[in-house]
Amino acid sequence: MPTFFVVATGLTADRWSPVFGVATGGAACGLYVLAQARTVPYLIMAAVLFALAVAAPVLAWRRRRAV
């Protein structure tokens, strides 16, 4: 939820450091989840984390470009 809050509210638009934190944290947590198990719920959670890791820089870039 904190990651969703950062991405959804646009707190990543002014500075890039939160964007890289979200991207790095999402990728690291996704790898950790995959290391735990490979069942369907774990795969879904890893996919969501990887999607957030990719979405944060893309959304910040689009917001900066729009400004």
N, C-alpha and C. Protein backbone atom coordinates (compact mmCIF):
# COMPACT_ATOMS: atom_id res chain seq x y z
N MET A 1 0.79 -1.20 0.00
CA MET A 1 0.00 0.00 0.00
C MET A 1 0.84 1.28 0.00
N PRO A 2 1.95 1.35 0.75
CA PRO A 2 2.74 2.58 0.67
C PRO A 2 3.26 2.86 -0.73
N THR A 3 3.65 1.82 -1.44
CA THR A 3 4.14 2.01 -2.81
C THR A 3 3.03 2.53 -3.69
N PHE A 4 1.83 1.96 -3.56
CA PHE A 4 0.70 2.42 -4.35
C PHE A 4 0.41 3.89 -4.04
N PHE A 5 0.49 4.27 -2.78
CA PHE A 5 0.24 5.66 -2.38
C PHE A 5 1.25 6.59 -3.04
N VAL A 6 2.52 6.21 -3.04
CA VAL A 6 3.56 7.05 -3.64
C VAL A 6 3.33 7.19 -5.14
N VAL A 7 3.02 6.10 -5.82
CA VAL A 7 2.83 6.14 -7.27
C VAL A 7 1.53 6.87 -7.62
N ALA A 8 0.45 6.58 -6.90
CA ALA A 8 -0.85 7.13 -7.27
C ALA A 8 -0.98 8.62 -6.97
N THR A 9 -0.35 9.09 -5.91
CA THR A 9 -0.54 10.49 -5.54
C THR A 9 0.41 11.43 -6.24
N GLY A 10 1.37 10.90 -6.95
CA GLY A 10 2.27 11.75 -7.70
C GLY A 10 3.41 12.30 -6.89
N LEU A 11 3.69 11.71 -5.74
CA LEU A 11 4.82 12.17 -4.94
C LEU A 11 6.14 11.92 -5.65
N THR A 12 6.08 11.13 -6.71
CA THR A 12 7.30 10.85 -7.46
C THR A 12 7.54 11.87 -8.56
N ALA A 13 6.66 12.84 -8.71
CA ALA A 13 6.78 13.77 -9.83
C ALA A 13 7.86 14.83 -9.61
N ASP A 14 8.10 15.22 -8.37
CA ASP A 14 9.05 16.30 -8.11
C ASP A 14 10.49 15.81 -8.04
N ARG A 15 10.70 14.65 -7.47
CA ARG A 15 12.05 14.15 -7.29
C ARG A 15 12.14 12.73 -7.82
N TRP A 16 13.32 12.37 -8.26
CA TRP A 16 13.50 11.02 -8.80
C TRP A 16 13.89 10.00 -7.74
N SER A 17 14.37 10.44 -6.59
CA SER A 17 14.82 9.46 -5.59
C SER A 17 13.70 8.54 -5.10
N PRO A 18 12.46 9.03 -4.86
CA PRO A 18 11.40 8.09 -4.50
C PRO A 18 11.08 7.09 -5.62
N VAL A 19 11.23 7.55 -6.85
CA VAL A 19 10.95 6.66 -7.98
C VAL A 19 11.92 5.49 -7.99
N PHE A 20 13.20 5.80 -7.81
CA PHE A 20 14.18 4.72 -7.81
C PHE A 20 14.03 3.83 -6.59
N GLY A 21 13.61 4.40 -5.47
CA GLY A 21 13.35 3.58 -4.29
C GLY A 21 12.21 2.61 -4.50
N VAL A 22 11.14 3.09 -5.12
CA VAL A 22 9.99 2.22 -5.41
C VAL A 22 10.38 1.14 -6.41
N ALA A 23 11.12 1.53 -7.45
CA ALA A 23 11.52 0.56 -8.47
C ALA A 23 12.46 -0.50 -7.90
N THR A 24 13.45 -0.07 -7.13
CA THR A 24 14.39 -1.02 -6.54
C THR A 24 13.70 -1.90 -5.50
N GLY A 25 12.88 -1.30 -4.67
CA GLY A 25 12.16 -2.07 -3.66
C GLY A 25 11.19 -3.07 -4.27
N GLY A 26 10.49 -2.66 -5.31
CA GLY A 26 9.57 -3.58 -5.97
C GLY A 26 10.27 -4.77 -6.61
N ALA A 27 11.40 -4.49 -7.25
CA ALA A 27 12.15 -5.58 -7.87
C ALA A 27 12.75 -6.52 -6.82
N ALA A 28 13.32 -5.95 -5.75
CA ALA A 28 13.91 -6.77 -4.71
C ALA A 28 12.85 -7.61 -3.99
N CYS A 29 11.71 -7.00 -3.70
CA CYS A 29 10.64 -7.75 -3.03
C CYS A 29 10.05 -8.81 -3.95
N GLY A 30 9.95 -8.52 -5.23
CA GLY A 30 9.47 -9.52 -6.17
C GLY A 30 10.39 -10.73 -6.23
N LEU A 31 11.70 -10.48 -6.22
CA LEU A 31 12.65 -11.60 -6.20
C LEU A 31 12.57 -12.38 -4.89
N TYR A 32 12.38 -11.66 -3.79
CA TYR A 32 12.25 -12.33 -2.50
C TYR A 32 11.00 -13.22 -2.46
N VAL A 33 9.89 -12.70 -2.98
CA VAL A 33 8.66 -13.50 -3.01
C VAL A 33 8.85 -14.74 -3.86
N LEU A 34 9.53 -14.61 -4.99
CA LEU A 34 9.77 -15.78 -5.84
C LEU A 34 10.71 -16.79 -5.17
N ALA A 35 11.59 -16.31 -4.31
CA ALA A 35 12.49 -17.22 -3.60
C ALA A 35 11.75 -18.01 -2.52
N GLN A 36 10.62 -17.49 -2.06
CA GLN A 36 9.86 -18.17 -1.02
C GLN A 36 9.10 -19.38 -1.54
N ALA A 37 8.39 -19.22 -2.63
CA ALA A 37 7.59 -20.30 -3.19
C ALA A 37 7.19 -19.96 -4.61
N ARG A 38 6.69 -20.95 -5.31
CA ARG A 38 6.26 -20.74 -6.71
C ARG A 38 4.79 -21.10 -6.90
N THR A 39 3.99 -20.96 -5.85
CA THR A 39 2.57 -21.23 -5.99
C THR A 39 1.89 -20.02 -6.64
N VAL A 40 0.64 -20.20 -7.03
CA VAL A 40 -0.08 -19.15 -7.76
C VAL A 40 -0.17 -17.84 -6.97
N PRO A 41 -0.53 -17.86 -5.67
CA PRO A 41 -0.58 -16.57 -4.96
C PRO A 41 0.77 -15.85 -4.92
N TYR A 42 1.85 -16.60 -4.77
CA TYR A 42 3.18 -15.99 -4.76
C TYR A 42 3.53 -15.41 -6.13
N LEU A 43 3.16 -16.12 -7.17
CA LEU A 43 3.43 -15.61 -8.52
C LEU A 43 2.64 -14.35 -8.81
N ILE A 44 1.41 -14.29 -8.34
CA ILE A 44 0.59 -13.09 -8.52
C ILE A 44 1.20 -11.92 -7.77
N MET A 45 1.62 -12.15 -6.53
CA MET A 45 2.22 -11.09 -5.74
C MET A 45 3.52 -10.60 -6.38
N ALA A 46 4.32 -11.51 -6.87
CA ALA A 46 5.57 -11.12 -7.54
C ALA A 46 5.28 -10.31 -8.80
N ALA A 47 4.25 -10.70 -9.55
CA ALA A 47 3.89 -9.96 -10.75
C ALA A 47 3.44 -8.54 -10.42
N VAL A 48 2.68 -8.38 -9.35
CA VAL A 48 2.23 -7.05 -8.93
C VAL A 48 3.43 -6.20 -8.51
N LEU A 49 4.35 -6.78 -7.77
CA LEU A 49 5.53 -6.04 -7.35
C LEU A 49 6.40 -5.62 -8.54
N PHE A 50 6.57 -6.53 -9.49
CA PHE A 50 7.35 -6.18 -10.68
C PHE A 50 6.64 -5.12 -11.51
N ALA A 51 5.31 -5.18 -11.57
CA ALA A 51 4.55 -4.16 -12.30
C ALA A 51 4.71 -2.79 -11.65
N LEU A 52 4.70 -2.74 -10.32
CA LEU A 52 4.92 -1.47 -9.63
C LEU A 52 6.34 -0.96 -9.86
N ALA A 53 7.28 -1.89 -9.90
CA ALA A 53 8.68 -1.50 -10.12
C ALA A 53 8.86 -0.88 -11.50
N VAL A 54 8.09 -1.32 -12.47
CA VAL A 54 8.18 -0.77 -13.82
C VAL A 54 7.30 0.47 -13.94
N ALA A 55 6.15 0.47 -13.29
CA ALA A 55 5.20 1.57 -13.43
C ALA A 55 5.68 2.86 -12.80
N ALA A 56 6.39 2.80 -11.70
CA ALA A 56 6.81 4.02 -11.00
C ALA A 56 7.68 4.92 -11.88
N PRO A 57 8.77 4.41 -12.49
CA PRO A 57 9.56 5.30 -13.34
C PRO A 57 8.81 5.77 -14.59
N VAL A 58 7.97 4.90 -15.14
CA VAL A 58 7.22 5.28 -16.34
C VAL A 58 6.24 6.39 -16.02
N LEU A 59 5.52 6.27 -14.91
CA LEU A 59 4.56 7.31 -14.54
C LEU A 59 5.26 8.62 -14.21
N ALA A 60 6.37 8.55 -13.52
CA ALA A 60 7.11 9.77 -13.19
C ALA A 60 7.64 10.43 -14.46
N TRP A 61 8.12 9.65 -15.39
CA TRP A 61 8.62 10.20 -16.65
C TRP A 61 7.50 10.87 -17.43
N ARG A 62 6.33 10.22 -17.47
CA ARG A 62 5.20 10.80 -18.19
C ARG A 62 4.71 12.08 -17.53
N ARG A 63 4.69 12.11 -16.19
CA ARG A 63 4.27 13.32 -15.49
C ARG A 63 5.25 14.45 -15.74
N ARG A 64 6.55 14.16 -15.72
CA ARG A 64 7.55 15.20 -15.97
C ARG A 64 7.45 15.71 -17.40
N ARG A 65 7.20 14.81 -18.30
CA ARG A 65 7.09 15.20 -19.71
C ARG A 65 5.85 16.06 -19.95
N ALA A 66 4.77 15.77 -19.22
CA ALA A 66 3.53 16.52 -19.39
C ALA A 66 3.64 17.94 -18.83
N VAL A 67 4.53 18.13 -17.89
CA VAL A 67 4.68 19.45 -17.26
C VAL A 67 5.47 20.39 -18.06
